[in-house]
PDB file of all heavy atoms in Angstrom:
ATOM      1  N   SER A   1     100.837 118.380 110.960  1.00  0.00           N
ATOM      2  CA  SER A   1     101.493 118.735 112.215  1.00  0.00           C
ATOM      3  C   SER A   1     103.016 118.489 112.134  1.00  0.00           C
ATOM      4  O   SER A   1     103.451 117.333 112.048  1.00  0.00           O
ATOM      5  CB  SER A   1     100.900 117.941 113.393  1.00  0.00           C
ATOM      6  OG  SER A   1     101.661 118.152 114.553  1.00  0.00           O
ATOM      7  N   LYS A   2     103.780 119.556 112.159  1.00  0.00           N
ATOM      8  CA  LYS A   2     105.237 119.448 112.162  1.00  0.00           C
ATOM      9  C   LYS A   2     105.732 118.789 113.409  1.00  0.00           C
ATOM     10  O   LYS A   2     106.698 117.991 113.393  1.00  0.00           O
ATOM     11  CB  LYS A   2     105.861 120.793 111.954  1.00  0.00           C
ATOM     12  CG  LYS A   2     107.390 120.746 111.775  1.00  0.00           C
ATOM     13  CD  LYS A   2     107.947 122.133 111.475  1.00  0.00           C
ATOM     14  CE  LYS A   2     109.447 122.053 111.228  1.00  0.00           C
ATOM     15  NZ  LYS A   2     110.046 123.389 110.924  1.00  0.00           N
ATOM     16  N   LYS A   3     105.090 119.099 114.532  1.00  0.00           N
ATOM     17  CA  LYS A   3     105.523 118.542 115.821  1.00  0.00           C
ATOM     18  C   LYS A   3     105.403 117.027 115.818  1.00  0.00           C
ATOM     19  O   LYS A   3     106.282 116.307 116.304  1.00  0.00           O
ATOM     20  CB  LYS A   3     104.671 119.138 116.946  1.00  0.00           C
ATOM     21  CG  LYS A   3     105.111 118.732 118.351  1.00  0.00           C
ATOM     22  CD  LYS A   3     104.288 119.424 119.414  1.00  0.00           C
ATOM     23  CE  LYS A   3     104.736 119.010 120.802  1.00  0.00           C
ATOM     24  NZ  LYS A   3     103.939 119.651 121.872  1.00  0.00           N
ATOM     25  N   LEU A   4     104.287 116.503 115.241  1.00  0.00           N
ATOM     26  CA  LEU A   4     104.096 115.058 115.174  1.00  0.00           C
ATOM     27  C   LEU A   4     105.174 114.430 114.316  1.00  0.00           C
ATOM     28  O   LEU A   4     105.762 113.402 114.671  1.00  0.00           O
ATOM     29  CB  LEU A   4     102.718 114.746 114.578  1.00  0.00           C
ATOM     30  CG  LEU A   4     102.439 113.282 114.224  1.00  0.00           C
ATOM     31  CD1 LEU A   4     102.499 112.409 115.488  1.00  0.00           C
ATOM     32  CD2 LEU A   4     101.079 113.124 113.540  1.00  0.00           C
ATOM     33  N   ALA A   5     105.500 115.044 113.146  1.00  0.00           N
ATOM     34  CA  ALA A   5     106.531 114.502 112.254  1.00  0.00           C
ATOM     35  C   ALA A   5     107.887 114.513 112.934  1.00  0.00           C
ATOM     36  O   ALA A   5     108.663 113.558 112.808  1.00  0.00           O
ATOM     37  CB  ALA A   5     106.565 115.320 110.964  1.00  0.00           C
ATOM     38  N   GLU A   6     108.218 115.581 113.666  1.00  0.00           N
ATOM     39  CA  GLU A   6     109.496 115.669 114.360  1.00  0.00           C
ATOM     40  C   GLU A   6     109.596 114.595 115.453  1.00  0.00           C
ATOM     41  O   GLU A   6     110.687 114.026 115.693  1.00  0.00           O
ATOM     42  CB  GLU A   6     109.671 117.063 114.972  1.00  0.00           C
ATOM     43  CG  GLU A   6     109.939 118.142 113.934  1.00  0.00           C
ATOM     44  CD  GLU A   6     109.962 119.524 114.559  1.00  0.00           C
ATOM     45  OE1 GLU A   6     109.355 119.740 115.651  1.00  0.00           O
ATOM     46  OE2 GLU A   6     110.584 120.410 113.941  1.00  0.00           O
ATOM     47  N   THR A   7     108.490 114.306 116.104  1.00  0.00           N
ATOM     48  CA  THR A   7     108.462 113.278 117.142  1.00  0.00           C
ATOM     49  C   THR A   7     108.806 111.913 116.559  1.00  0.00           C
ATOM     50  O   THR A   7     109.572 111.126 117.115  1.00  0.00           O
ATOM     51  CB  THR A   7     107.080 113.197 117.818  1.00  0.00           C
ATOM     52  OG1 THR A   7     106.792 114.481 118.411  1.00  0.00           O
ATOM     53  CG2 THR A   7     107.030 112.120 118.871  1.00  0.00           C
ATOM     54  N   VAL A   8     108.241 111.623 115.371  1.00  0.00           N
ATOM     55  CA  VAL A   8     108.534 110.354 114.700  1.00  0.00           C
ATOM     56  C   VAL A   8     109.993 110.266 114.293  1.00  0.00           C
ATOM     57  O   VAL A   8     110.648 109.234 114.452  1.00  0.00           O
ATOM     58  CB  VAL A   8     107.608 110.186 113.452  1.00  0.00           C
ATOM     59  CG1 VAL A   8     107.974 108.934 112.671  1.00  0.00           C
ATOM     60  CG2 VAL A   8     106.145 110.136 113.871  1.00  0.00           C
ATOM     61  N   VAL A   9     110.543 111.389 113.781  1.00  0.00           N
ATOM     62  CA  VAL A   9     111.972 111.413 113.383  1.00  0.00           C
ATOM     63  C   VAL A   9     112.855 111.080 114.591  1.00  0.00           C
ATOM     64  O   VAL A   9     113.788 110.250 114.478  1.00  0.00           O
ATOM     65  CB  VAL A   9     112.326 112.785 112.806  1.00  0.00           C
ATOM     66  CG1 VAL A   9     113.851 112.934 112.648  1.00  0.00           C
ATOM     67  CG2 VAL A   9     111.658 112.995 111.444  1.00  0.00           C
ATOM     68  N   ASN A  10     112.622 111.715 115.709  1.00  0.00           N
ATOM     69  CA  ASN A  10     113.430 111.485 116.903  1.00  0.00           C
ATOM     70  C   ASN A  10     113.260 110.084 117.443  1.00  0.00           C
ATOM     71  O   ASN A  10     114.226 109.484 117.950  1.00  0.00           O
ATOM     72  CB  ASN A  10     113.061 112.503 117.993  1.00  0.00           C
ATOM     73  CG  ASN A  10     113.402 113.917 117.579  1.00  0.00           C
ATOM     74  OD1 ASN A  10     114.341 114.153 116.829  1.00  0.00           O
ATOM     75  ND2 ASN A  10     112.640 114.907 118.066  1.00  0.00           N
ATOM     76  N   ARG A  11     112.050 109.512 117.291  1.00  0.00           N
ATOM     77  CA  ARG A  11     111.781 108.196 117.853  1.00  0.00           C
ATOM     78  C   ARG A  11     112.468 107.081 117.083  1.00  0.00           C
ATOM     79  O   ARG A  11     112.874 106.058 117.640  1.00  0.00           O
ATOM     80  CB  ARG A  11     110.278 107.958 117.873  1.00  0.00           C
ATOM     81  CG  ARG A  11     109.876 106.723 118.693  1.00  0.00           C
ATOM     82  CD  ARG A  11     108.364 106.598 118.852  1.00  0.00           C
ATOM     83  NE  ARG A  11     107.712 106.266 117.591  1.00  0.00           N
ATOM     84  CZ  ARG A  11     106.677 106.916 117.125  1.00  0.00           C
ATOM     85  NH1 ARG A  11     106.146 107.922 117.744  1.00  0.00           N
ATOM     86  NH2 ARG A  11     106.115 106.528 115.984  1.00  0.00           N
ATOM     87  N   ILE A  12     112.636 107.222 115.747  1.00  0.00           N
ATOM     88  CA  ILE A  12     113.175 106.141 114.947  1.00  0.00           C
ATOM     89  C   ILE A  12     114.685 106.211 114.731  1.00  0.00           C
ATOM     90  O   ILE A  12     115.319 105.205 114.403  1.00  0.00           O
ATOM     91  CB  ILE A  12     112.488 106.079 113.566  1.00  0.00           C
ATOM     92  CG1 ILE A  12     112.829 107.346 112.733  1.00  0.00           C
ATOM     93  CG2 ILE A  12     110.988 105.887 113.707  1.00  0.00           C
ATOM     94  CD1 ILE A  12     112.324 107.300 111.320  1.00  0.00           C
ATOM     95  N   THR A  13     115.285 107.376 114.917  1.00  0.00           N
ATOM     96  CA  THR A  13     116.710 107.537 114.651  1.00  0.00           C
ATOM     97  C   THR A  13     117.532 106.619 115.562  1.00  0.00           C
ATOM     98  O   THR A  13     117.375 106.628 116.793  1.00  0.00           O
ATOM     99  CB  THR A  13     117.164 108.994 114.863  1.00  0.00           C
ATOM    100  OG1 THR A  13     116.446 109.816 113.930  1.00  0.00           O
ATOM    101  CG2 THR A  13     118.651 109.165 114.640  1.00  0.00           C
ATOM    102  N   GLY A  14     118.408 105.814 114.941  1.00  0.00           N
ATOM    103  CA  GLY A  14     119.270 104.891 115.693  1.00  0.00           C
ATOM    104  C   GLY A  14     118.608 103.631 116.145  1.00  0.00           C
ATOM    105  O   GLY A  14     119.254 102.792 116.811  1.00  0.00           O
ATOM    106  N   GLN A  15     117.340 103.393 115.780  1.00  0.00           N
ATOM    107  CA  GLN A  15     116.616 102.231 116.241  1.00  0.00           C
ATOM    108  C   GLN A  15     116.646 101.095 115.168  1.00  0.00           C
ATOM    109  O   GLN A  15     116.752 101.357 113.966  1.00  0.00           O
ATOM    110  CB  GLN A  15     115.147 102.578 116.525  1.00  0.00           C
ATOM    111  CG  GLN A  15     115.006 103.621 117.648  1.00  0.00           C
ATOM    112  CD  GLN A  15     115.563 103.128 118.961  1.00  0.00           C
ATOM    113  OE1 GLN A  15     115.308 101.980 119.374  1.00  0.00           O
ATOM    114  NE2 GLN A  15     116.400 103.970 119.595  1.00  0.00           N
ATOM    115  N   PRO A  16     116.540  99.841 115.631  1.00  0.00           N
ATOM    116  CA  PRO A  16     116.492  98.719 114.674  1.00  0.00           C
ATOM    117  C   PRO A  16     115.118  98.646 114.024  1.00  0.00           C
ATOM    118  O   PRO A  16     114.120  99.106 114.577  1.00  0.00           O
ATOM    119  CB  PRO A  16     116.753  97.495 115.544  1.00  0.00           C
ATOM    120  CG  PRO A  16     116.251  97.908 116.904  1.00  0.00           C
ATOM    121  CD  PRO A  16     116.541  99.388 117.026  1.00  0.00           C
ATOM    122  N   GLY A  17     115.076  98.075 112.839  1.00  0.00           N
ATOM    123  CA  GLY A  17     113.815  97.897 112.124  1.00  0.00           C
ATOM    124  C   GLY A  17     113.645  96.435 111.734  1.00  0.00           C
ATOM    125  O   GLY A  17     114.621  95.750 111.377  1.00  0.00           O
ATOM    126  N   LEU A  18     112.410  95.948 111.808  1.00  0.00           N
ATOM    127  CA  LEU A  18     112.106  94.565 111.462  1.00  0.00           C
ATOM    128  C   LEU A  18     111.351  94.513 110.152  1.00  0.00           C
ATOM    129  O   LEU A  18     110.324  95.191 109.988  1.00  0.00           O
ATOM    130  CB  LEU A  18     111.272  93.934 112.577  1.00  0.00           C
ATOM    131  CG  LEU A  18     110.810  92.482 112.340  1.00  0.00           C
ATOM    132  CD1 LEU A  18     111.993  91.540 112.329  1.00  0.00           C
ATOM    133  CD2 LEU A  18     109.778  92.052 113.402  1.00  0.00           C
ATOM    134  N   ILE A  19     111.808  93.711 109.219  1.00  0.00           N
ATOM    135  CA  ILE A  19     111.112  93.541 107.909  1.00  0.00           C
ATOM    136  C   ILE A  19     109.871  92.662 108.131  1.00  0.00           C
ATOM    137  O   ILE A  19     109.999  91.510 108.496  1.00  0.00           O
ATOM    138  CB  ILE A  19     112.029  92.892 106.861  1.00  0.00           C
ATOM    139  CG1 ILE A  19     113.348  93.672 106.717  1.00  0.00           C
ATOM    140  CG2 ILE A  19     111.310  92.764 105.512  1.00  0.00           C
ATOM    141  CD1 ILE A  19     113.160  95.094 106.251  1.00  0.00           C
ATOM    142  N   THR A  20     108.720  93.277 107.976  1.00  0.00           N
ATOM    143  CA  THR A  20     107.461  92.528 108.183  1.00  0.00           C
ATOM    144  C   THR A  20     106.870  91.973 106.891  1.00  0.00           C
ATOM    145  O   THR A  20     106.032  91.093 106.924  1.00  0.00           O
ATOM    146  CB  THR A  20     106.418  93.457 108.845  1.00  0.00           C
ATOM    147  OG1 THR A  20     106.235  94.620 107.999  1.00  0.00           O
ATOM    148  CG2 THR A  20     106.900  93.900 110.228  1.00  0.00           C
ATOM    149  N   ALA A  21     107.330  92.483 105.764  1.00  0.00           N
ATOM    150  CA  ALA A  21     106.888  91.972 104.454  1.00  0.00           C
ATOM    151  C   ALA A  21     107.874  92.409 103.374  1.00  0.00           C
ATOM    152  O   ALA A  21     108.387  93.546 103.410  1.00  0.00           O
ATOM    153  CB  ALA A  21     105.504  92.457 104.130  1.00  0.00           C
ATOM    154  N   ALA A  22     108.140  91.525 102.435  1.00  0.00           N
ATOM    155  CA  ALA A  22     109.005  91.855 101.292  1.00  0.00           C
ATOM    156  C   ALA A  22     108.481  91.072 100.095  1.00  0.00           C
ATOM    157  O   ALA A  22     108.521  89.834 100.072  1.00  0.00           O
ATOM    158  CB  ALA A  22     110.459  91.466 101.593  1.00  0.00           C
ATOM    159  N   THR A  23     107.964  91.811  99.122  1.00  0.00           N
ATOM    160  CA  THR A  23     107.396  91.166  97.938  1.00  0.00           C
ATOM    161  C   THR A  23     108.053  91.658  96.656  1.00  0.00           C
ATOM    162  O   THR A  23     108.528  92.788  96.574  1.00  0.00           O
ATOM    163  CB  THR A  23     105.876  91.448  97.849  1.00  0.00           C
ATOM    164  OG1 THR A  23     105.682  92.870  97.780  1.00  0.00           O
ATOM    165  CG2 THR A  23     105.151  90.888  99.061  1.00  0.00           C
ATOM    166  N   LYS A  24     108.064  90.778  95.700  1.00  0.00           N
ATOM    167  CA  LYS A  24     108.585  91.126  94.358  1.00  0.00           C
ATOM    168  C   LYS A  24     107.677  90.445  93.344  1.00  0.00           C
ATOM    169  O   LYS A  24     107.587  89.216  93.276  1.00  0.00           O
ATOM    170  CB  LYS A  24     110.014  90.672  94.182  1.00  0.00           C
ATOM    171  CG  LYS A  24     110.585  91.020  92.818  1.00  0.00           C
ATOM    172  CD  LYS A  24     112.068  90.783  92.724  1.00  0.00           C
ATOM    173  CE  LYS A  24     112.411  89.327  92.687  1.00  0.00           C
ATOM    174  NZ  LYS A  24     113.862  89.085  92.395  1.00  0.00           N
ATOM    175  N   LYS A  25     106.966  91.274  92.542  1.00  0.00           N
ATOM    176  CA  LYS A  25     106.062  90.724  91.554  1.00  0.00           C
ATOM    177  C   LYS A  25     106.557  91.077  90.149  1.00  0.00           C
ATOM    178  O   LYS A  25     106.771  92.234  89.819  1.00  0.00           O
ATOM    179  CB  LYS A  25     104.644  91.312  91.752  1.00  0.00           C
ATOM    180  CG  LYS A  25     103.997  90.877  93.057  1.00  0.00           C
ATOM    181  CD  LYS A  25     102.600  91.446  93.200  1.00  0.00           C
ATOM    182  CE  LYS A  25     101.938  90.983  94.501  1.00  0.00           C
ATOM    183  NZ  LYS A  25     100.575  91.535  94.651  1.00  0.00           N
ATOM    184  N   ARG A  26     106.764  90.047  89.350  1.00  0.00           N
ATOM    185  CA  ARG A  26     107.176  90.240  87.960  1.00  0.00           C
ATOM    186  C   ARG A  26     105.918  90.594  87.127  1.00  0.00           C
ATOM    187  O   ARG A  26     104.950  89.874  87.106  1.00  0.00           O
ATOM    188  CB  ARG A  26     107.814  88.961  87.410  1.00  0.00           C
ATOM    189  CG  ARG A  26     108.233  88.990  85.944  1.00  0.00           C
ATOM    190  CD  ARG A  26     109.367  89.966  85.679  1.00  0.00           C
ATOM    191  NE  ARG A  26     110.505  89.777  86.541  1.00  0.00           N
ATOM    192  CZ  ARG A  26     111.526  88.911  86.295  1.00  0.00           C
ATOM    193  NH1 ARG A  26     111.521  88.195  85.178  1.00  0.00           N
ATOM    194  NH2 ARG A  26     112.544  88.822  87.132  1.00  0.00           N
ATOM    195  N   LYS A  27     105.959  91.748  86.472  1.00  0.00           N
ATOM    196  CA  LYS A  27     104.856  92.208  85.674  1.00  0.00           C
ATOM    197  C   LYS A  27     105.339  92.556  84.268  1.00  0.00           C
ATOM    198  O   LYS A  27     106.543  92.680  84.028  1.00  0.00           O
ATOM    199  CB  LYS A  27     104.194  93.434  86.324  1.00  0.00           C
ATOM    200  CG  LYS A  27     103.555  93.137  87.652  1.00  0.00           C
ATOM    201  CD  LYS A  27     102.884  94.400  88.227  1.00  0.00           C
ATOM    202  CE  LYS A  27     102.219  94.107  89.572  1.00  0.00           C
ATOM    203  NZ  LYS A  27     101.570  95.331  90.124  1.00  0.00           N
ATOM    204  N   GLN A  28     104.377  92.748  83.384  1.00  0.00           N
ATOM    205  CA  GLN A  28     104.726  93.183  82.030  1.00  0.00           C
ATOM    206  C   GLN A  28     103.650  94.072  81.440  1.00  0.00           C
ATOM    207  O   GLN A  28     102.506  94.021  81.860  1.00  0.00           O
ATOM    208  CB  GLN A  28     104.983  91.981  81.122  1.00  0.00           C
ATOM    209  CG  GLN A  28     103.761  91.136  80.816  1.00  0.00           C
ATOM    210  CD  GLN A  28     104.087  90.029  79.830  1.00  0.00           C
ATOM    211  OE1 GLN A  28     105.216  89.584  79.700  1.00  0.00           O
ATOM    212  NE2 GLN A  28     103.075  89.603  79.102  1.00  0.00           N
TER     213      GLN A  28
END
């Protein structure tokens, strides 16, 4: 649904965001 995607774009533009998780895993 393009309409749904456009709604999300309009809703988040200019809004603050909260970091709920940030991980860094060292792998090899």
